C-alpha atoms as a PDB file:
ATOM      1  CA  MET A   1     -20.510   8.021  23.946  1.00  0.00           C
ATOM      2  CA  LYS A   2     -18.153   5.006  22.649  1.00  0.00           C
ATOM      3  CA  SER A   3     -14.461   4.669  23.706  1.00  0.00           C
ATOM      4  CA  PRO A   4     -11.337   5.849  20.492  1.00  0.00           C
ATOM      5  CA  LYS A   5     -10.932   1.637  20.351  1.00  0.00           C
ATOM      6  CA  LYS A   6     -14.780   0.722  19.900  1.00  0.00           C
ATOM      7  CA  GLN A   7     -14.843   3.357  18.081  1.00  0.00           C
ATOM      8  CA  LYS A   8     -12.238   2.524  16.125  1.00  0.00           C
ATOM      9  CA  LEU A   9     -12.871  -1.080  15.619  1.00  0.00           C
ATOM     10  CA  SER A  10     -16.392  -0.329  14.339  1.00  0.00           C
ATOM     11  CA  ALA A  11     -15.411   1.736  12.325  1.00  0.00           C
ATOM     12  CA  LEU A  12     -12.848  -1.148  10.323  1.00  0.00           C
ATOM     13  CA  LYS A  13     -16.116  -2.926  10.896  1.00  0.00           C
ATOM     14  CA  ARG A  14     -17.853  -0.782   8.450  1.00  0.00           C
ATOM     15  CA  ARG A  15     -14.984  -0.680   6.579  1.00  0.00           C
ATOM     16  CA  ALA A  16     -15.159  -4.226   5.679  1.00  0.00           C
ATOM     17  CA  ARG A  17     -18.576  -5.137   5.161  1.00  0.00           C
ATOM     18  CA  ARG A  18     -18.545  -1.562   2.620  1.00  0.00           C
ATOM     19  CA  VAL A  19     -15.826  -3.534   0.959  1.00  0.00           C
ATOM     20  CA  ARG A  20     -17.017  -7.090   1.310  1.00  0.00           C
ATOM     21  CA  SER A  21     -20.343  -5.880  -0.312  1.00  0.00           C
ATOM     22  CA  LYS A  22     -18.982  -4.990  -3.170  1.00  0.00           C
ATOM     23  CA  ILE A  23     -16.516  -8.318  -4.339  1.00  0.00           C
ATOM     24  CA  THR A  24     -16.881 -11.733  -4.849  1.00  0.00           C
ATOM     25  CA  GLY A  25     -14.839 -14.581  -5.343  1.00  0.00           C
ATOM     26  CA  THR A  26     -15.138 -17.584  -7.683  1.00  0.00           C
ATOM     27  CA  ALA A  27     -13.122 -20.605  -8.520  1.00  0.00           C
ATOM     28  CA  GLU A  28     -11.671 -18.790 -11.964  1.00  0.00           C
ATOM     29  CA  ARG A  29     -10.867 -15.060  -9.928  1.00  0.00           C
ATOM     30  CA  PRO A  30     -11.194 -15.751  -5.917  1.00  0.00           C
ATOM     31  CA  ARG A  31     -10.773 -13.401  -2.995  1.00  0.00           C
ATOM     32  CA  MET A  32      -7.876 -12.788  -2.161  1.00  0.00           C
ATOM     33  CA  ALA A  33      -8.734 -11.833   1.727  1.00  0.00           C
ATOM     34  CA  VAL A  34      -5.918 -10.475   4.562  1.00  0.00           C
ATOM     35  CA  THR A  35      -6.202 -10.350   8.100  1.00  0.00           C
ATOM     36  CA  ARG A  36      -4.014  -8.407   9.934  1.00  0.00           C
ATOM     37  CA  SER A  37      -2.635  -8.735  13.525  1.00  0.00           C
ATOM     38  CA  LEU A  38      -0.491  -6.342  15.682  1.00  0.00           C
ATOM     39  CA  ASN A  39       2.705  -8.578  14.420  1.00  0.00           C
ATOM     40  CA  ASN A  40       1.418 -11.448  11.896  1.00  0.00           C
ATOM     41  CA  MET A  41      -0.568 -11.089   8.125  1.00  0.00           C
ATOM     42  CA  TYR A  42      -2.856 -13.857   6.948  1.00  0.00           C
ATOM     43  CA  VAL A  43      -3.583 -14.256   3.473  1.00  0.00           C
ATOM     44  CA  GLN A  44      -6.880 -16.580   2.100  1.00  0.00           C
ATOM     45  CA  LEU A  45      -7.265 -17.237  -1.603  1.00  0.00           C
ATOM     46  CA  ILE A  46     -11.376 -18.278  -1.327  1.00  0.00           C
ATOM     47  CA  ASP A  47     -14.044 -19.204  -3.767  1.00  0.00           C
ATOM     48  CA  ASP A  48     -17.161 -17.448  -2.534  1.00  0.00           C
ATOM     49  CA  LYS A  49     -19.013 -19.667  -4.850  1.00  0.00           C
ATOM     50  CA  SER A  50     -18.743 -22.897  -3.106  1.00  0.00           C
ATOM     51  CA  GLY A  51     -17.529 -21.304   0.465  1.00  0.00           C
ATOM     52  CA  ALA A  52     -14.372 -23.226   0.599  1.00  0.00           C
ATOM     53  CA  THR A  53     -10.916 -21.690   1.228  1.00  0.00           C
ATOM     54  CA  ILE A  54      -8.684 -22.895  -1.693  1.00  0.00           C
ATOM     55  CA  LEU A  55      -5.125 -21.601   0.019  1.00  0.00           C
ATOM     56  CA  GLY A  56      -4.035 -20.344   2.851  1.00  0.00           C
ATOM     57  CA  VAL A  57      -0.879 -18.369   4.368  1.00  0.00           C
ATOM     58  CA  SER A  58       0.786 -16.262   6.815  1.00  0.00           C
ATOM     59  CA  THR A  59       3.736 -14.934   8.432  1.00  0.00           C
ATOM     60  CA  LEU A  60       3.766 -17.818  10.670  1.00  0.00           C
ATOM     61  CA  GLY A  61       3.851 -20.957   8.248  1.00  0.00           C
ATOM     62  CA  SER A  62       6.855 -23.012   7.473  1.00  0.00           C
ATOM     63  CA  GLU A  63       7.662 -21.409   4.191  1.00  0.00           C
ATOM     64  CA  MET A  64       8.531 -18.535   5.759  1.00  0.00           C
ATOM     65  CA  LYS A  65      10.054 -19.641   8.589  1.00  0.00           C
ATOM     66  CA  GLN A  66      12.453 -21.038   5.983  1.00  0.00           C
ATOM     67  CA  ASN A  67      12.859 -18.240   3.970  1.00  0.00           C
ATOM     68  CA  ALA A  68      14.289 -16.697   7.231  1.00  0.00           C
ATOM     69  CA  VAL A  69      12.673 -13.362   6.499  1.00  0.00           C
ATOM     70  CA  SER A  70      13.128 -10.601   9.212  1.00  0.00           C
ATOM     71  CA  GLY A  71      13.250  -7.307   9.219  1.00  0.00           C
ATOM     72  CA  PRO A  72      10.419  -4.294   9.533  1.00  0.00           C
ATOM     73  CA  ARG A  73       6.857  -6.325   9.166  1.00  0.00           C
ATOM     74  CA  LYS A  74       6.428  -4.765   5.918  1.00  0.00           C
ATOM     75  CA  ASP A  75       9.435  -6.239   4.226  1.00  0.00           C
ATOM     76  CA  VAL A  76       8.081 -10.057   5.327  1.00  0.00           C
ATOM     77  CA  SER A  77       4.281  -8.427   4.212  1.00  0.00           C
ATOM     78  CA  LYS A  78       5.818  -8.208   0.679  1.00  0.00           C
ATOM     79  CA  GLU A  79       7.561 -11.536   1.162  1.00  0.00           C
ATOM     80  CA  LEU A  80       4.123 -13.009   2.121  1.00  0.00           C
ATOM     81  CA  GLY A  81       2.292 -11.490  -0.898  1.00  0.00           C
ATOM     82  CA  LYS A  82       5.560 -12.987  -3.272  1.00  0.00           C
ATOM     83  CA  LEU A  83       4.496 -16.897  -1.492  1.00  0.00           C
ATOM     84  CA  VAL A  84       1.061 -16.111  -1.851  1.00  0.00           C
ATOM     85  CA  ALA A  85       1.738 -15.550  -5.371  1.00  0.00           C
ATOM     86  CA  GLU A  86       4.344 -18.619  -6.081  1.00  0.00           C
ATOM     87  CA  LYS A  87       1.488 -21.183  -4.116  1.00  0.00           C
ATOM     88  CA  ALA A  88      -1.497 -19.662  -6.716  1.00  0.00           C
ATOM     89  CA  LYS A  89       0.451 -19.848  -9.500  1.00  0.00           C
ATOM     90  CA  GLU A  90       1.501 -23.699  -8.512  1.00  0.00           C
ATOM     91  CA  LYS A  91      -2.879 -24.333  -8.721  1.00  0.00           C
ATOM     92  CA  GLY A  92      -3.455 -22.372 -11.792  1.00  0.00           C
ATOM     93  CA  ILE A  93      -4.789 -18.810 -10.227  1.00  0.00           C
ATOM     94  CA  THR A  94      -3.326 -16.006 -12.117  1.00  0.00           C
ATOM     95  CA  LYS A  95      -5.778 -14.019 -11.226  1.00  0.00           C
ATOM     96  CA  VAL A  96      -7.513 -12.796  -8.283  1.00  0.00           C
ATOM     97  CA  VAL A  97     -10.326 -10.344  -6.183  1.00  0.00           C
ATOM     98  CA  PHE A  98      -7.844  -8.659  -3.487  1.00  0.00           C
ATOM     99  CA  ASP A  99     -10.034  -7.702   0.012  1.00  0.00           C
ATOM    100  CA  ARG A 100      -8.533  -5.720   2.483  1.00  0.00           C
ATOM    101  CA  SER A 101     -10.770  -6.410   4.696  1.00  0.00           C
ATOM    102  CA  GLY A 102     -11.700  -2.849   6.077  1.00  0.00           C
ATOM    103  CA  TYR A 103      -7.660  -2.481   6.529  1.00  0.00           C
ATOM    104  CA  LEU A 104      -6.513   0.773   4.840  1.00  0.00           C
ATOM    105  CA  TYR A 105      -4.428   0.514   1.778  1.00  0.00           C
ATOM    106  CA  HIS A 106      -1.500   1.517   3.466  1.00  0.00           C
ATOM    107  CA  GLY A 107       1.105   0.219   4.384  1.00  0.00           C
ATOM    108  CA  ARG A 108       1.883  -3.423   5.432  1.00  0.00           C
ATOM    109  CA  VAL A 109      -1.416  -4.156   3.225  1.00  0.00           C
ATOM    110  CA  LEU A 110       0.209  -2.480   0.247  1.00  0.00           C
ATOM    111  CA  ALA A 111       3.386  -4.012   0.921  1.00  0.00           C
ATOM    112  CA  LEU A 112       1.731  -7.674   0.540  1.00  0.00           C
ATOM    113  CA  ALA A 113      -0.309  -6.031  -2.649  1.00  0.00           C
ATOM    114  CA  GLU A 114       3.074  -4.901  -4.432  1.00  0.00           C
ATOM    115  CA  GLY A 115       4.409  -8.439  -3.450  1.00  0.00           C
ATOM    116  CA  ALA A 116       1.580 -10.579  -4.966  1.00  0.00           C
ATOM    117  CA  ARG A 117       1.639  -8.360  -7.910  1.00  0.00           C
ATOM    118  CA  GLU A 118       5.836  -8.848  -8.335  1.00  0.00           C
ATOM    119  CA  GLY A 119       5.132 -12.594  -7.443  1.00  0.00           C
ATOM    120  CA  GLY A 120       2.470 -13.177 -10.969  1.00  0.00           C
ATOM    121  CA  LEU A 121      -0.992 -12.159  -9.858  1.00  0.00           C
ATOM    122  CA  GLU A 122      -3.191  -9.816 -11.878  1.00  0.00           C
ATOM    123  CA  PHE A 123      -5.738  -7.679  -9.573  1.00  0.00           C
END
């Protein structure tokens, strides 16, 4: 019998595979991939056709530290979403495909998506 931790990880991988099989990013509409750790969040805009990362931002980046965003992790995630939207607009990207990477659309992942929408990204 698997330990509870291994069951949780295998369920996460199963969900990630299921979500990822249905979406692909293009140059016009890149995939917005979200990765979450215990304390930080990472976002990449990826063009799957060419296999290139267009943009990458995280809560560890200098932009987030300059804004001095602190407090609850949900608030930091929302600000990260706004930052992603701002940087994407600079590169001429307004539409993305949201890839939650198997994480539930709840909590910090939801806050990041809301922040990106407030910043002007459509998905």
